[in-house]
C-alpha atoms as a PDB file:
ATOM      1  CA  MET A   1     -68.126  53.939 -84.890  1.00  0.00           C
ATOM      2  CA  ARG A   2     -66.569  50.333 -84.506  1.00  0.00           C
ATOM      3  CA  SER A   3     -66.085  48.049 -81.482  1.00  0.00           C
ATOM      4  CA  ILE A   4     -65.352  44.526 -80.382  1.00  0.00           C
ATOM      5  CA  LEU A   5     -66.986  42.807 -77.728  1.00  0.00           C
ATOM      6  CA  ILE A   6     -65.504  39.539 -76.392  1.00  0.00           C
ATOM      7  CA  HIS A   7     -67.513  37.220 -73.852  1.00  0.00           C
ATOM      8  CA  LYS A   8     -65.388  37.160 -70.687  1.00  0.00           C
ATOM      9  CA  LYS A   9     -66.295  33.483 -70.077  1.00  0.00           C
ATOM     10  CA  GLU A  10     -67.393  30.957 -72.894  1.00  0.00           C
ATOM     11  CA  PRO A  11     -70.201  28.455 -72.706  1.00  0.00           C
ATOM     12  CA  SER A  12     -68.580  25.053 -72.301  1.00  0.00           C
ATOM     13  CA  VAL A  13     -69.604  21.211 -72.548  1.00  0.00           C
ATOM     14  CA  VAL A  14     -68.510  18.080 -70.735  1.00  0.00           C
ATOM     15  CA  CYS A  15     -70.228  14.388 -70.818  1.00  0.00           C
ATOM     16  CA  TRP A  16     -70.170  11.493 -68.554  1.00  0.00           C
ATOM     17  CA  PHE A  17     -70.882   7.971 -69.309  1.00  0.00           C
ATOM     18  CA  ARG A  18     -72.034   4.718 -67.440  1.00  0.00           C
ATOM     19  CA  ALA A  19     -72.581   1.291 -68.765  1.00  0.00           C
ATOM     20  CA  GLN A  20     -74.963  -1.478 -67.681  1.00  0.00           C
ATOM     21  CA  LYS A  21     -75.514  -4.822 -69.172  1.00  0.00           C
ATOM     22  CA  TYR A  22     -78.804  -6.826 -69.034  1.00  0.00           C
ATOM     23  CA  THR A  23     -80.649  -9.941 -70.002  1.00  0.00           C
ATOM     24  CA  ALA A  24     -83.914 -10.303 -71.606  1.00  0.00           C
ATOM     25  CA  GLY A  25     -85.508 -11.259 -68.452  1.00  0.00           C
ATOM     26  CA  GLY A  26     -84.450  -7.817 -66.918  1.00  0.00           C
ATOM     27  CA  THR A  27     -81.589  -8.924 -64.888  1.00  0.00           C
ATOM     28  CA  ILE A  28     -78.642  -6.468 -64.486  1.00  0.00           C
ATOM     29  CA  THR A  29     -75.488  -8.512 -65.097  1.00  0.00           C
ATOM     30  CA  TYR A  30     -73.126  -5.482 -64.832  1.00  0.00           C
ATOM     31  CA  GLU A  31     -73.364  -1.884 -63.798  1.00  0.00           C
ATOM     32  CA  GLY A  32     -70.145   0.217 -64.113  1.00  0.00           C
ATOM     33  CA  PRO A  33     -69.208   3.581 -62.555  1.00  0.00           C
ATOM     34  CA  TRP A  34     -69.600   6.977 -63.907  1.00  0.00           C
ATOM     35  CA  PHE A  35     -66.685   8.024 -66.038  1.00  0.00           C
ATOM     36  CA  ARG A  36     -65.947  11.189 -68.066  1.00  0.00           C
ATOM     37  CA  ASN A  37     -65.339  11.169 -71.811  1.00  0.00           C
ATOM     38  CA  THR A  38     -62.899  13.416 -73.930  1.00  0.00           C
ATOM     39  CA  ILE A  39     -64.753  16.150 -76.160  1.00  0.00           C
ATOM     40  CA  LEU A  40     -63.085  15.982 -79.535  1.00  0.00           C
ATOM     41  CA  ASN A  41     -61.751  19.076 -81.261  1.00  0.00           C
ATOM     42  CA  SER A  42     -63.851  17.922 -84.218  1.00  0.00           C
ATOM     43  CA  GLY A  43     -66.753  17.822 -81.824  1.00  0.00           C
ATOM     44  CA  LEU A  44     -66.322  21.279 -80.884  1.00  0.00           C
ATOM     45  CA  ASP A  45     -66.331  22.433 -84.429  1.00  0.00           C
ATOM     46  CA  LEU A  46     -69.768  20.759 -84.873  1.00  0.00           C
ATOM     47  CA  LEU A  47     -71.211  22.991 -81.958  1.00  0.00           C
ATOM     48  CA  ARG A  48     -71.022  25.872 -84.364  1.00  0.00           C
ATOM     49  CA  LEU A  49     -73.952  24.281 -86.405  1.00  0.00           C
ATOM     50  CA  TYR A  50     -75.607  21.680 -84.229  1.00  0.00           C
ATOM     51  CA  ALA A  51     -77.475  21.339 -81.057  1.00  0.00           C
ATOM     52  CA  LEU A  52     -76.406  19.455 -78.006  1.00  0.00           C
ATOM     53  CA  ARG A  53     -79.555  17.482 -77.849  1.00  0.00           C
ATOM     54  CA  PRO A  54     -80.786  14.959 -80.526  1.00  0.00           C
ATOM     55  CA  TYR A  55     -83.224  15.821 -83.490  1.00  0.00           C
ATOM     56  CA  SER A  56     -84.462  13.951 -86.461  1.00  0.00           C
ATOM     57  CA  GLY A  57     -83.491  14.601 -89.992  1.00  0.00           C
ATOM     58  CA  ALA A  58     -81.014  17.135 -91.191  1.00  0.00           C
ATOM     59  CA  ASN A  59     -80.797  19.099 -87.994  1.00  0.00           C
ATOM     60  CA  ALA A  60     -79.902  16.057 -85.800  1.00  0.00           C
ATOM     61  CA  GLY A  61     -77.831  17.203 -82.979  1.00  0.00           C
ATOM     62  CA  VAL A  62     -74.533  15.991 -81.938  1.00  0.00           C
ATOM     63  CA  THR A  63     -75.828  13.481 -79.493  1.00  0.00           C
ATOM     64  CA  GLN A  64     -77.946  11.614 -81.956  1.00  0.00           C
ATOM     65  CA  LYS A  65     -76.014   8.113 -81.660  1.00  0.00           C
ATOM     66  CA  ILE A  66     -73.998   6.170 -79.315  1.00  0.00           C
ATOM     67  CA  ASN A  67     -71.143   4.177 -80.870  1.00  0.00           C
ATOM     68  CA  VAL A  68     -69.222   1.305 -79.467  1.00  0.00           C
ATOM     69  CA  GLY A  69     -66.038  -0.292 -80.585  1.00  0.00           C
ATOM     70  CA  THR A  70     -63.005  -2.271 -79.664  1.00  0.00           C
ATOM     71  CA  GLY A  71     -60.157   0.029 -80.085  1.00  0.00           C
ATOM     72  CA  THR A  72     -57.750   0.600 -77.070  1.00  0.00           C
ATOM     73  CA  SER A  73     -55.694   3.704 -77.777  1.00  0.00           C
ATOM     74  CA  GLU A  74     -55.961   6.459 -75.001  1.00  0.00           C
ATOM     75  CA  PRO A  75     -58.625   9.257 -76.358  1.00  0.00           C
ATOM     76  CA  SER A  76     -56.962  12.399 -77.762  1.00  0.00           C
ATOM     77  CA  VAL A  77     -58.673  15.457 -78.600  1.00  0.00           C
ATOM     78  CA  THR A  78     -57.448  15.289 -81.902  1.00  0.00           C
ATOM     79  CA  ASP A  79     -59.397  11.896 -82.607  1.00  0.00           C
ATOM     80  CA  THR A  80     -61.958  11.975 -84.983  1.00  0.00           C
ATOM     81  CA  GLY A  81     -63.746   8.678 -83.996  1.00  0.00           C
ATOM     82  CA  LEU A  82     -63.553   5.373 -82.799  1.00  0.00           C
ATOM     83  CA  ASP A  83     -60.464   3.284 -83.357  1.00  0.00           C
ATOM     84  CA  ALA A  84     -62.556   0.064 -84.095  1.00  0.00           C
ATOM     85  CA  PHE A  85     -66.161   0.574 -84.692  1.00  0.00           C
ATOM     86  CA  VAL A  86     -68.638  -2.303 -83.989  1.00  0.00           C
ATOM     87  CA  ALA A  87     -71.859  -0.919 -83.452  1.00  0.00           C
ATOM     88  CA  SER A  88     -74.231   2.113 -83.241  1.00  0.00           C
ATOM     89  CA  THR A  89     -77.813   2.944 -81.816  1.00  0.00           C
ATOM     90  CA  SER A  90     -80.035   5.745 -81.217  1.00  0.00           C
ATOM     91  CA  SER A  91     -82.768   3.797 -79.441  1.00  0.00           C
ATOM     92  CA  THR A  92     -83.541   4.962 -75.877  1.00  0.00           C
ATOM     93  CA  TYR A  93     -84.445   3.271 -72.708  1.00  0.00           C
ATOM     94  CA  GLY A  94     -87.041   4.350 -70.368  1.00  0.00           C
ATOM     95  CA  SER A  95     -88.807   7.484 -70.803  1.00  0.00           C
ATOM     96  CA  LEU A  96     -85.957   9.688 -71.904  1.00  0.00           C
ATOM     97  CA  GLY A  97     -86.695  10.066 -75.345  1.00  0.00           C
ATOM     98  CA  MET A  98     -85.646  12.941 -77.928  1.00  0.00           C
ATOM     99  CA  GLY A  99     -86.314  15.479 -75.132  1.00  0.00           C
ATOM    100  CA  ASN A 100     -84.165  13.908 -72.407  1.00  0.00           C
ATOM    101  CA  SER A 101     -84.723  14.154 -68.692  1.00  0.00           C
ATOM    102  CA  SER A 102     -85.174  17.366 -66.911  1.00  0.00           C
ATOM    103  CA  GLY A 103     -81.565  17.198 -65.657  1.00  0.00           C
ATOM    104  CA  ASP A 104     -80.196  19.279 -62.687  1.00  0.00           C
ATOM    105  CA  VAL A 105     -79.110  22.803 -62.564  1.00  0.00           C
ATOM    106  CA  SER A 106     -76.968  25.370 -60.887  1.00  0.00           C
ATOM    107  CA  THR A 107     -77.465  29.160 -60.877  1.00  0.00           C
ATOM    108  CA  SER A 108     -74.448  29.669 -58.858  1.00  0.00           C
ATOM    109  CA  ASP A 109     -70.737  29.458 -60.194  1.00  0.00           C
ATOM    110  CA  PRO A 110     -70.039  27.337 -62.043  1.00  0.00           C
ATOM    111  CA  CYS A 111     -73.649  27.730 -63.655  1.00  0.00           C
ATOM    112  CA  TYR A 112     -75.067  24.719 -65.501  1.00  0.00           C
ATOM    113  CA  GLN A 113     -77.683  22.453 -66.613  1.00  0.00           C
ATOM    114  CA  TYR A 114     -77.351  18.848 -67.379  1.00  0.00           C
ATOM    115  CA  TRP A 115     -79.435  16.254 -69.519  1.00  0.00           C
ATOM    116  CA  GLU A 116     -79.321  12.740 -69.040  1.00  0.00           C
ATOM    117  CA  ARG A 117     -80.154  10.162 -71.776  1.00  0.00           C
ATOM    118  CA  THR A 118     -79.984   6.262 -71.871  1.00  0.00           C
ATOM    119  CA  PHE A 119     -79.196   4.454 -74.982  1.00  0.00           C
ATOM    120  CA  ALA A 120     -80.074   0.838 -75.350  1.00  0.00           C
ATOM    121  CA  PHE A 121     -78.882  -2.066 -77.515  1.00  0.00           C
ATOM    122  CA  ALA A 122     -80.889  -4.863 -77.769  1.00  0.00           C
ATOM    123  CA  VAL A 123     -80.258  -8.163 -76.345  1.00  0.00           C
ATOM    124  CA  GLY A 124     -78.236 -10.041 -78.747  1.00  0.00           C
ATOM    125  CA  PHE A 125     -77.541  -6.761 -80.758  1.00  0.00           C
ATOM    126  CA  LEU A 126     -73.821  -7.969 -81.557  1.00  0.00           C
ATOM    127  CA  GLY A 127     -74.673 -11.547 -82.742  1.00  0.00           C
ATOM    128  CA  THR A 128     -71.831 -12.940 -81.276  1.00  0.00           C
ATOM    129  CA  ASN A 129     -69.617 -12.536 -78.159  1.00  0.00           C
ATOM    130  CA  THR A 130     -67.623  -9.285 -78.176  1.00  0.00           C
ATOM    131  CA  ASN A 131     -65.193  -7.538 -75.758  1.00  0.00           C
ATOM    132  CA  LEU A 132     -66.180  -3.575 -75.894  1.00  0.00           C
ATOM    133  CA  THR A 133     -63.597  -1.258 -74.907  1.00  0.00           C
ATOM    134  CA  GLU A 134     -64.561   2.273 -76.552  1.00  0.00           C
ATOM    135  CA  LEU A 135     -67.529   4.510 -77.022  1.00  0.00           C
ATOM    136  CA  GLY A 136     -68.525   7.867 -78.145  1.00  0.00           C
ATOM    137  CA  LEU A 137     -71.622  10.100 -79.213  1.00  0.00           C
ATOM    138  CA  SER A 138     -72.111  11.306 -82.722  1.00  0.00           C
ATOM    139  CA  ARG A 139     -74.465  13.010 -85.076  1.00  0.00           C
ATOM    140  CA  VAL A 140     -74.874  10.081 -87.423  1.00  0.00           C
ATOM    141  CA  GLU A 141     -73.652   6.499 -87.231  1.00  0.00           C
ATOM    142  CA  ASN A 142     -69.832   6.169 -86.742  1.00  0.00           C
ATOM    143  CA  SER A 143     -69.282   9.850 -88.029  1.00  0.00           C
ATOM    144  CA  ASN A 144     -69.296  13.429 -86.765  1.00  0.00           C
ATOM    145  CA  TYR A 145     -68.303  12.656 -83.428  1.00  0.00           C
ATOM    146  CA  LEU A 146     -68.759  14.701 -80.428  1.00  0.00           C
ATOM    147  CA  ASN A 147     -66.539  12.685 -77.946  1.00  0.00           C
ATOM    148  CA  ARG A 148     -64.648   9.495 -77.611  1.00  0.00           C
ATOM    149  CA  GLN A 149     -63.721   7.552 -74.532  1.00  0.00           C
ATOM    150  CA  LEU A 150     -62.516   4.109 -73.224  1.00  0.00           C
ATOM    151  CA  PHE A 151     -64.638   2.270 -70.941  1.00  0.00           C
ATOM    152  CA  ARG A 152     -63.526   2.587 -67.438  1.00  0.00           C
ATOM    153  CA  ASP A 153     -63.716   0.882 -64.072  1.00  0.00           C
ATOM    154  CA  GLU A 154     -64.021   2.217 -60.619  1.00  0.00           C
ATOM    155  CA  LEU A 155     -60.273   3.294 -60.522  1.00  0.00           C
ATOM    156  CA  GLY A 156     -60.520   5.073 -63.786  1.00  0.00           C
ATOM    157  CA  ASP A 157     -58.522   2.482 -65.672  1.00  0.00           C
ATOM    158  CA  PRO A 158     -59.441   1.144 -68.987  1.00  0.00           C
ATOM    159  CA  THR A 159     -61.637  -1.866 -68.685  1.00  0.00           C
ATOM    160  CA  VAL A 160     -63.216  -4.437 -71.079  1.00  0.00           C
ATOM    161  CA  ILE A 161     -67.075  -4.923 -71.309  1.00  0.00           C
ATOM    162  CA  PRO A 162     -67.773  -8.589 -72.548  1.00  0.00           C
ATOM    163  CA  VAL A 163     -71.278  -8.528 -74.091  1.00  0.00           C
ATOM    164  CA  GLN A 164     -72.656 -12.083 -74.634  1.00  0.00           C
ATOM    165  CA  THR A 165     -74.944 -13.319 -76.874  1.00  0.00           C
ATOM    166  CA  ASP A 166     -78.023 -13.117 -74.202  1.00  0.00           C
ATOM    167  CA  GLU A 167     -77.318  -9.806 -73.006  1.00  0.00           C
ATOM    168  CA  GLY A 168     -77.961  -6.059 -74.000  1.00  0.00           C
ATOM    169  CA  LEU A 169     -76.130  -2.996 -73.151  1.00  0.00           C
ATOM    170  CA  ARG A 170     -77.672   0.255 -71.776  1.00  0.00           C
ATOM    171  CA  ILE A 171     -75.364   3.451 -71.879  1.00  0.00           C
ATOM    172  CA  THR A 172     -76.501   6.488 -69.970  1.00  0.00           C
ATOM    173  CA  CYS A 173     -74.998   9.685 -70.871  1.00  0.00           C
ATOM    174  CA  ARG A 174     -75.153  13.021 -68.709  1.00  0.00           C
ATOM    175  CA  ILE A 175     -74.423  16.018 -71.055  1.00  0.00           C
ATOM    176  CA  TYR A 176     -73.434  19.204 -68.952  1.00  0.00           C
ATOM    177  CA  LEU A 177     -73.626  22.595 -70.426  1.00  0.00           C
ATOM    178  CA  TYR A 178     -71.976  25.212 -68.200  1.00  0.00           C
ATOM    179  CA  GLY A 179     -72.795  28.932 -68.686  1.00  0.00           C
ATOM    180  CA  GLU A 180     -70.723  32.034 -68.317  1.00  0.00           C
ATOM    181  CA  ASP A 181     -71.183  33.198 -64.802  1.00  0.00           C
ATOM    182  CA  ALA A 182     -73.516  32.887 -61.815  1.00  0.00           C
ATOM    183  CA  VAL A 183     -76.884  34.235 -62.524  1.00  0.00           C
ATOM    184  CA  GLY A 184     -76.994  37.875 -61.529  1.00  0.00           C
ATOM    185  CA  ALA A 185     -73.124  38.047 -61.160  1.00  0.00           C
ATOM    186  CA  THR A 186     -71.554  41.457 -61.943  1.00  0.00           C
ATOM    187  CA  THR A 187     -67.856  42.073 -63.039  1.00  0.00           C
ATOM    188  CA  THR A 188     -66.107  45.329 -64.218  1.00  0.00           C
ATOM    189  CA  SER A 189     -64.650  45.136 -67.568  1.00  0.00           C
ATOM    190  CA  SER A 190     -64.036  47.216 -70.782  1.00  0.00           C
ATOM    191  CA  PHE A 191     -63.843  47.176 -74.609  1.00  0.00           C
ATOM    192  CA  ASP A 192     -62.578  49.178 -77.301  1.00  0.00           C
ATOM    193  CA  ILE A 193     -64.615  51.628 -79.461  1.00  0.00           C
ATOM    194  CA  ASN A 194     -62.815  53.318 -82.176  1.00  0.00           C
ATOM    195  CA  SER A 195     -59.645  52.120 -80.342  1.00  0.00           C
ATOM    196  CA  VAL A 196     -60.605  53.678 -77.132  1.00  0.00           C
ATOM    197  CA  SER A 197     -61.133  51.656 -74.075  1.00  0.00           C
ATOM    198  CA  ARG A 198     -64.587  51.910 -72.572  1.00  0.00           C
ATOM    199  CA  PRO A 199     -64.961  50.995 -69.011  1.00  0.00           C
ATOM    200  CA  CYS A 200     -68.058  49.008 -68.399  1.00  0.00           C
ATOM    201  CA  THR A 201     -70.096  46.577 -66.026  1.00  0.00           C
ATOM    202  CA  ILE A 202     -71.094  43.235 -67.248  1.00  0.00           C
ATOM    203  CA  GLU A 203     -74.159  41.311 -65.527  1.00  0.00           C
ATOM    204  CA  GLN A 204     -74.910  37.817 -66.412  1.00  0.00           C
ATOM    205  CA  LEU A 205     -78.722  37.793 -66.855  1.00  0.00           C
ATOM    206  CA  GLY A 206     -81.414  35.430 -68.048  1.00  0.00           C
ATOM    207  CA  GLY A 207     -81.191  32.353 -65.752  1.00  0.00           C
ATOM    208  CA  ASP A 208     -84.518  30.935 -67.045  1.00  0.00           C
ATOM    209  CA  TRP A 209     -82.371  28.514 -69.408  1.00  0.00           C
ATOM    210  CA  LEU A 210     -81.637  26.671 -66.332  1.00  0.00           C
ATOM    211  CA  THR A 211     -85.397  25.946 -65.366  1.00  0.00           C
ATOM    212  CA  SER A 212     -87.348  22.887 -66.236  1.00  0.00           C
ATOM    213  CA  ALA A 213     -89.199  25.006 -68.738  1.00  0.00           C
ATOM    214  CA  LYS A 214     -86.047  25.102 -70.679  1.00  0.00           C
ATOM    215  CA  THR A 215     -85.094  21.629 -70.817  1.00  0.00           C
ATOM    216  CA  TYR A 216     -85.889  21.412 -74.518  1.00  0.00           C
ATOM    217  CA  VAL A 217     -83.862  24.211 -75.846  1.00  0.00           C
ATOM    218  CA  HIS A 218     -81.618  23.436 -78.570  1.00  0.00           C
ATOM    219  CA  ASN A 219     -78.482  24.789 -77.412  1.00  0.00           C
ATOM    220  CA  VAL A 220     -76.491  25.655 -80.494  1.00  0.00           C
ATOM    221  CA  ILE A 221     -73.947  27.376 -78.412  1.00  0.00           C
ATOM    222  CA  GLY A 222     -71.550  28.296 -81.355  1.00  0.00           C
ATOM    223  CA  HIS A 223     -74.225  29.730 -83.744  1.00  0.00           C
ATOM    224  CA  ILE A 224     -75.016  33.425 -84.350  1.00  0.00           C
ATOM    225  CA  ASN A 225     -77.448  33.125 -87.290  1.00  0.00           C
ATOM    226  CA  ASN A 226     -79.293  36.227 -87.258  1.00  0.00           C
ATOM    227  CA  THR A 227     -79.603  39.769 -85.642  1.00  0.00           C
ATOM    228  CA  ASP A 228     -81.113  38.642 -82.529  1.00  0.00           C
ATOM    229  CA  ALA A 229     -78.059  37.980 -80.860  1.00  0.00           C
ATOM    230  CA  ILE A 230     -77.372  41.451 -79.769  1.00  0.00           C
ATOM    231  CA  ARG A 231     -79.188  44.512 -79.238  1.00  0.00           C
ATOM    232  CA  ILE A 232     -78.468  48.134 -77.824  1.00  0.00           C
ATOM    233  CA  ALA A 233     -80.261  50.902 -75.768  1.00  0.00           C
ATOM    234  CA  THR A 234     -79.807  54.151 -73.973  1.00  0.00           C
ATOM    235  CA  ALA A 235     -80.097  54.306 -70.124  1.00  0.00           C
ATOM    236  CA  GLY A 236     -83.678  53.881 -69.878  1.00  0.00           C
ATOM    237  CA  GLY A 237     -85.025  53.386 -73.521  1.00  0.00           C
ATOM    238  CA  SER A 238     -86.049  50.424 -75.508  1.00  0.00           C
ATOM    239  CA  PHE A 239     -83.525  48.035 -77.020  1.00  0.00           C
ATOM    240  CA  VAL A 240     -82.836  48.370 -80.718  1.00  0.00           C
ATOM    241  CA  ARG A 241     -81.678  45.423 -82.849  1.00  0.00           C
ATOM    242  CA  PRO A 242     -79.071  45.920 -85.756  1.00  0.00           C
ATOM    243  CA  ASP A 243     -80.111  46.250 -89.396  1.00  0.00           C
ATOM    244  CA  SER A 244     -77.756  43.721 -90.632  1.00  0.00           C
ATOM    245  CA  ARG A 245     -74.938  40.998 -89.825  1.00  0.00           C
ATOM    246  CA  SER A 246     -71.577  39.750 -91.624  1.00  0.00           C
ATOM    247  CA  ALA A 247     -69.985  36.801 -90.505  1.00  0.00           C
ATOM    248  CA  ALA A 248     -66.479  35.864 -90.838  1.00  0.00           C
ATOM    249  CA  SER A 249     -65.472  32.766 -92.179  1.00  0.00           C
ATOM    250  CA  TYR A 250     -65.084  29.730 -89.405  1.00  0.00           C
ATOM    251  CA  THR A 251     -61.763  28.143 -89.179  1.00  0.00           C
ATOM    252  CA  SER A 252     -61.708  24.545 -87.723  1.00  0.00           C
ATOM    253  CA  GLY A 253     -60.010  24.309 -84.749  1.00  0.00           C
ATOM    254  CA  ASN A 254     -60.603  27.834 -83.398  1.00  0.00           C
ATOM    255  CA  PHE A 255     -63.686  27.363 -81.438  1.00  0.00           C
ATOM    256  CA  TYR A 256     -64.784  30.958 -81.887  1.00  0.00           C
ATOM    257  CA  TRP A 257     -66.601  32.905 -84.601  1.00  0.00           C
ATOM    258  CA  ASP A 258     -66.629  36.650 -85.213  1.00  0.00           C
ATOM    259  CA  VAL A 259     -69.779  38.302 -86.570  1.00  0.00           C
ATOM    260  CA  GLU A 260     -70.011  42.009 -87.284  1.00  0.00           C
ATOM    261  CA  TYR A 261     -73.502  43.724 -86.533  1.00  0.00           C
ATOM    262  CA  THR A 262     -74.417  47.148 -88.321  1.00  0.00           C
ATOM    263  CA  TRP A 263     -76.932  49.805 -87.153  1.00  0.00           C
ATOM    264  CA  ASN A 264     -77.485  51.929 -90.213  1.00  0.00           C
ATOM    265  CA  PRO A 265     -77.452  55.888 -89.870  1.00  0.00           C
ATOM    266  CA  ASP A 266     -80.737  56.856 -87.961  1.00  0.00           C
ATOM    267  CA  THR A 267     -81.489  53.198 -86.735  1.00  0.00           C
ATOM    268  CA  PHE A 268     -80.104  54.170 -83.272  1.00  0.00           C
ATOM    269  CA  VAL A 269     -79.915  57.627 -82.205  1.00  0.00           C
ATOM    270  CA  GLY A 270     -78.932  59.019 -78.659  1.00  0.00           C
ATOM    271  CA  ASP A 271     -76.691  58.108 -75.789  1.00  0.00           C
ATOM    272  CA  LEU A 272     -75.444  54.461 -76.113  1.00  0.00           C
ATOM    273  CA  LYS A 273     -75.439  53.121 -72.532  1.00  0.00           C
ATOM    274  CA  ARG A 274     -76.538  49.529 -72.659  1.00  0.00           C
ATOM    275  CA  ILE A 275     -75.705  46.387 -74.931  1.00  0.00           C
ATOM    276  CA  ASN A 276     -77.098  43.033 -74.443  1.00  0.00           C
ATOM    277  CA  THR A 277     -75.292  39.897 -76.051  1.00  0.00           C
ATOM    278  CA  TYR A 278     -76.896  36.586 -75.851  1.00  0.00           C
ATOM    279  CA  MET A 279     -74.773  33.747 -74.764  1.00  0.00           C
ATOM    280  CA  MET A 280     -76.591  31.093 -77.195  1.00  0.00           C
ATOM    281  CA  GLY A 281     -78.319  32.146 -80.451  1.00  0.00           C
ATOM    282  CA  ARG A 282     -81.738  31.987 -81.679  1.00  0.00           C
ATOM    283  CA  HIS A 283     -82.202  29.273 -84.077  1.00  0.00           C
ATOM    284  CA  ALA A 284     -84.988  27.653 -86.427  1.00  0.00           C
ATOM    285  CA  ILE A 285     -85.334  23.833 -86.075  1.00  0.00           C
ATOM    286  CA  GLN A 286     -88.132  21.579 -87.318  1.00  0.00           C
ATOM    287  CA  GLY A 287     -90.118  24.577 -88.189  1.00  0.00           C
ATOM    288  CA  TYR A 288     -90.010  26.226 -85.131  1.00  0.00           C
ATOM    289  CA  ILE A 289     -87.863  29.009 -83.266  1.00  0.00           C
ATOM    290  CA  GLN A 290     -86.554  28.770 -79.550  1.00  0.00           C
ATOM    291  CA  VAL A 291     -84.533  31.731 -77.811  1.00  0.00           C
ATOM    292  CA  VAL A 292     -82.206  30.916 -75.028  1.00  0.00           C
ATOM    293  CA  SER A 293     -82.628  33.640 -72.652  1.00  0.00           C
ATOM    294  CA  SER A 294     -79.109  33.768 -71.127  1.00  0.00           C
ATOM    295  CA  TYR A 295     -77.193  37.121 -71.789  1.00  0.00           C
ATOM    296  CA  ASN A 296     -74.625  39.567 -70.752  1.00  0.00           C
ATOM    297  CA  GLN A 297     -75.864  43.107 -70.004  1.00  0.00           C
ATOM    298  CA  ILE A 298     -73.156  45.465 -70.554  1.00  0.00           C
ATOM    299  CA  VAL A 299     -73.506  49.077 -69.059  1.00  0.00           C
ATOM    300  CA  LEU A 300     -71.127  51.547 -70.237  1.00  0.00           C
ATOM    301  CA  ASP A 301     -69.412  53.979 -67.394  1.00  0.00           C
ATOM    302  CA  ASP A 302     -69.910  56.972 -69.871  1.00  0.00           C
ATOM    303  CA  ALA A 303     -72.699  56.833 -72.350  1.00  0.00           C
ATOM    304  CA  ILE A 304     -71.550  57.296 -76.124  1.00  0.00           C
ATOM    305  CA  THR A 305     -73.526  59.819 -78.389  1.00  0.00           C
ATOM    306  CA  ILE A 306     -74.694  58.190 -81.715  1.00  0.00           C
ATOM    307  CA  GLU A 307     -75.560  60.969 -84.022  1.00  0.00           C
ATOM    308  CA  ASP A 308     -78.458  60.415 -86.747  1.00  0.00           C
ATOM    309  CA  THR A 309     -75.657  60.411 -89.521  1.00  0.00           C
ATOM    310  CA  GLN A 310     -73.473  57.723 -87.917  1.00  0.00           C
ATOM    311  CA  GLU A 311     -73.352  54.294 -88.628  1.00  0.00           C
ATOM    312  CA  LEU A 312     -72.525  51.745 -85.846  1.00  0.00           C
ATOM    313  CA  LYS A 313     -70.753  48.447 -86.037  1.00  0.00           C
ATOM    314  CA  LEU A 314     -70.168  46.083 -83.203  1.00  0.00           C
ATOM    315  CA  THR A 315     -68.193  42.785 -83.638  1.00  0.00           C
ATOM    316  CA  LEU A 316     -69.278  40.106 -81.305  1.00  0.00           C
ATOM    317  CA  ARG A 317     -66.888  36.981 -80.762  1.00  0.00           C
ATOM    318  CA  ARG A 318     -68.795  33.844 -79.956  1.00  0.00           C
ATOM    319  CA  SER A 319     -66.648  31.140 -78.285  1.00  0.00           C
ATOM    320  CA  TRP A 320     -67.108  27.780 -76.633  1.00  0.00           C
ATOM    321  CA  GLY A 321     -64.898  24.986 -75.352  1.00  0.00           C
ATOM    322  CA  ARG A 322     -64.779  21.822 -73.139  1.00  0.00           C
ATOM    323  CA  TYR A 323     -65.475  22.451 -69.495  1.00  0.00           C
ATOM    324  CA  VAL A 324     -62.409  22.432 -67.447  1.00  0.00           C
ATOM    325  CA  GLU A 325     -62.885  21.954 -63.661  1.00  0.00           C
ATOM    326  CA  GLY A 326     -62.446  25.008 -61.794  1.00  0.00           C
ATOM    327  CA  SER A 327     -62.683  27.370 -64.672  1.00  0.00           C
END
């Protein structure tokens, strides 16, 4: 038996910036408004492999560095970095280190959590007076960018940030991750099994990813790296994980990834009624594993009998994107 499962709403990302200049004595010489950035296509591609939050070493997340420059072109999703790179830092201000702040949450629709982190360029970091105009977050210095934007004023117009030799620069970033639906939301849907449409009910569960206890989750939202992303059960029985997985090749610019999961004959026997698919995968980083407990529970209107001689294959499409207001 074969089927295709496609999430009804994808996880999505948006970020906001705010700039502040300061002197060695702590005097604030400029504080700008919040302004939204542009998530790049190349940045969305990175989210198949890397976290939203920063890490050290080879598993560094896509918000590891803040970069500033002097380019002036309007941002486009097809950009791959800054127009005219000047400097980069991973240093932070205050107590917002690798773990970021606890952020704010919403369990309703739209369902989200955000993390706030302040990067700090030291006083005199430029060496000479420089008029900064653009910025972006990246995995490494001036490479692997998540986003790019021009500095903006209160009216949303491009502006110049002149940084003097006796000034430093702090850039605060709010990184929002939106879930699928409100926690507990239920919708009717269907999917195909052996080319036959199967009506079902889908409930968004697992809201603990929104609590402060889950602030430090990795959020590799595009990654399905083992057999923990999906499991099946009868109406009242225990869930059974698949025996194996086979991932299709990822194509840059698609922002989705198809993975086929297989239950061998005799692995699951009975009336298939419930399927759980996880919004974000399980991933090992820096020697430990974290699980993001946010998932769809799919309940079939009519159970499907799986015999002990039958193999079951379910194809799960994991998709993700940039957040659009009202989506």
